[in-house]
Amino acid sequence: MIEIHVDGASKGNHDKTVENKAYICIIVPDMNLEFIYNKRWLTNNEAEWEALLEALKIAIKNKWNKVKIYSDSKLVVEQYNENWKCKNEKMMGYYISAKSIGDFLDVELVWISRDKNLAGIRLEQKFG
């Protein structure tokens, strides 16, 4: 099983006077892999979903059939695991996309606290 940490963060999405900066980070600790992408004009929740989607795509590309993904986004984890409903149309789109990619994998998505999320820690270090 491959363990992956994911995080997305957005700054400035509610203040139209500053440029929106959103980033996603995917870390695969056992393989010493790190992916960071600039994803402008996303809300924080959208960035969190984008991080999960990118992690799933990386898993497919690398033929990692069984993955355990850690995220500090309670919303994404609970919606993906079908414990919470997607009330927002955009979040529903992310959910459907993630589930359709995840159908090709054995995926366990787990919530962890921010201080234990290696991807969140890395984003904080890099972009503060």
Protein backbone atom coordinates (compact mmCIF):
# COMPACT_ATOMS: atom_id res chain seq x y z
CA MET A 1 0.00 0.00 0.00
CA ILE A 2 1.30 3.43 -0.96
CA GLU A 3 0.69 6.25 1.53
CA ILE A 4 0.06 9.73 0.15
CA HIS A 5 -0.45 13.07 1.93
CA VAL A 6 -2.48 15.74 0.13
CA ASP A 7 -3.34 19.35 0.82
CA GLY A 8 -4.76 22.35 -0.97
CA ALA A 9 -4.69 25.95 0.15
CA SER A 10 -6.01 29.22 -1.21
CA LYS A 11 -5.27 32.78 -0.21
CA GLY A 12 -7.11 35.83 -1.41
CA ASN A 13 -10.20 34.17 -2.84
CA HIS A 14 -12.56 36.39 -0.84
CA ASP A 15 -10.65 39.61 -1.34
CA LYS A 16 -11.00 40.80 -4.93
CA THR A 17 -8.28 43.44 -4.41
CA VAL A 18 -5.51 40.83 -4.18
CA GLU A 19 -4.48 38.11 -6.60
CA ASN A 20 -5.84 34.70 -5.70
CA LYS A 21 -3.11 32.18 -5.02
CA ALA A 22 -4.03 28.56 -4.65
CA TYR A 23 -1.64 25.65 -4.39
CA ILE A 24 -1.92 21.92 -4.04
CA CYS A 25 0.70 19.56 -2.66
CA ILE A 26 1.02 15.80 -2.87
CA ILE A 27 3.72 13.98 -0.89
CA VAL A 28 4.56 10.28 -1.07
CA PRO A 29 6.89 9.96 1.95
CA ASP A 30 8.18 6.40 1.38
CA MET A 31 9.30 7.31 -2.14
CA ASN A 32 10.54 10.79 -1.28
CA LEU A 33 8.21 12.29 -3.92
CA GLU A 34 6.75 15.78 -3.73
CA PHE A 35 4.45 17.49 -6.21
CA ILE A 36 3.40 21.13 -5.85
CA TYR A 37 1.11 22.84 -8.34
CA ASN A 38 -0.05 26.43 -8.65
CA LYS A 39 -3.84 26.42 -9.08
CA ARG A 40 -4.98 30.04 -9.22
CA TRP A 41 -8.56 31.12 -8.68
CA LEU A 42 -9.73 28.27 -6.50
CA THR A 43 -11.47 28.42 -3.16
CA ASN A 44 -9.85 26.51 -0.32
CA ASN A 45 -12.34 23.61 -0.65
CA GLU A 46 -11.76 23.44 -4.40
CA ALA A 47 -8.00 23.32 -3.81
CA GLU A 48 -8.47 20.45 -1.34
CA TRP A 49 -10.48 18.48 -3.91
CA GLU A 50 -7.94 19.29 -6.65
CA ALA A 51 -5.19 17.85 -4.43
CA LEU A 52 -7.12 14.60 -4.01
CA LEU A 53 -7.83 14.38 -7.75
CA GLU A 54 -4.16 14.93 -8.60
CA ALA A 55 -3.08 12.27 -6.08
CA LEU A 56 -5.49 9.77 -7.65
CA LYS A 57 -4.15 10.57 -11.13
CA ILE A 58 -0.57 10.11 -9.92
CA ALA A 59 -1.53 6.75 -8.40
CA ILE A 60 -3.11 5.61 -11.68
CA LYS A 61 -0.13 6.81 -13.73
CA ASN A 62 2.30 4.95 -11.47
CA LYS A 63 0.11 1.84 -11.24
CA TRP A 64 -0.21 2.09 -7.48
CA ASN A 65 -3.33 -0.02 -7.16
CA LYS A 66 -3.74 0.33 -3.41
CA VAL A 67 -3.37 3.76 -1.81
CA LYS A 68 -4.03 5.27 1.58
CA ILE A 69 -4.48 9.01 1.22
CA TYR A 70 -4.28 11.40 4.15
CA SER A 71 -6.01 14.78 4.06
CA ASP A 72 -6.73 17.42 6.69
CA SER A 73 -9.90 18.49 4.87
CA LYS A 74 -12.80 17.09 6.87
CA LEU A 75 -15.17 18.17 4.07
CA VAL A 76 -13.34 16.25 1.34
CA VAL A 77 -12.76 13.15 3.46
CA GLU A 78 -16.35 12.95 4.68
CA GLN A 79 -17.87 13.66 1.27
CA TYR A 80 -15.58 11.20 -0.54
CA ASN A 81 -16.34 8.52 2.07
CA GLU A 82 -20.07 9.26 1.64
CA ASN A 83 -20.61 10.28 5.26
CA TRP A 84 -21.65 13.80 4.24
CA LYS A 85 -23.71 14.85 1.25
CA CYS A 86 -22.37 17.21 -1.39
CA LYS A 87 -24.79 20.13 -1.16
CA ASN A 88 -22.82 22.34 -3.51
CA GLU A 89 -22.93 21.60 -7.24
CA LYS A 90 -19.21 22.24 -7.69
CA MET A 91 -18.31 19.91 -4.79
CA MET A 92 -20.58 17.27 -6.32
CA GLY A 93 -18.59 17.56 -9.55
CA TYR A 94 -15.35 17.01 -7.67
CA TYR A 95 -16.87 14.05 -5.81
CA ILE A 96 -18.02 12.41 -9.06
CA SER A 97 -14.62 12.95 -10.70
CA ALA A 98 -12.72 11.57 -7.71
CA LYS A 99 -14.98 8.53 -7.39
CA SER A 100 -14.72 7.73 -11.10
CA ILE A 101 -10.91 7.87 -10.96
CA GLY A 102 -10.91 6.03 -7.63
CA ASP A 103 -12.95 3.20 -9.16
CA PHE A 104 -9.72 1.97 -10.74
CA LEU A 105 -7.92 1.82 -7.40
CA ASP A 106 -8.31 0.48 -3.90
CA VAL A 107 -8.52 3.84 -2.08
CA GLU A 108 -8.69 4.56 1.62
CA LEU A 109 -9.10 8.27 2.36
CA VAL A 110 -8.34 9.20 5.96
CA TRP A 111 -8.63 12.49 7.85
CA ILE A 112 -5.58 13.61 9.81
CA SER A 113 -4.93 16.77 11.75
CA ARG A 114 -3.14 19.60 9.97
CA ASP A 115 -0.03 19.25 12.14
CA LYS A 116 0.42 15.64 10.94
CA ASN A 117 -0.26 16.31 7.25
CA LEU A 118 3.12 16.39 5.52
CA ALA A 119 1.63 18.10 2.45
CA GLY A 120 0.06 20.85 4.56
CA ILE A 121 3.28 21.36 6.47
CA ARG A 122 5.19 21.67 3.19
CA LEU A 123 2.73 24.21 1.77
CA GLU A 124 3.04 26.26 4.96
CA GLN A 125 6.84 26.16 4.75
CA LYS A 126 6.89 27.14 1.09
CA PHE A 127 4.09 29.71 0.90
CA GLY A 128 3.33 30.53 4.55
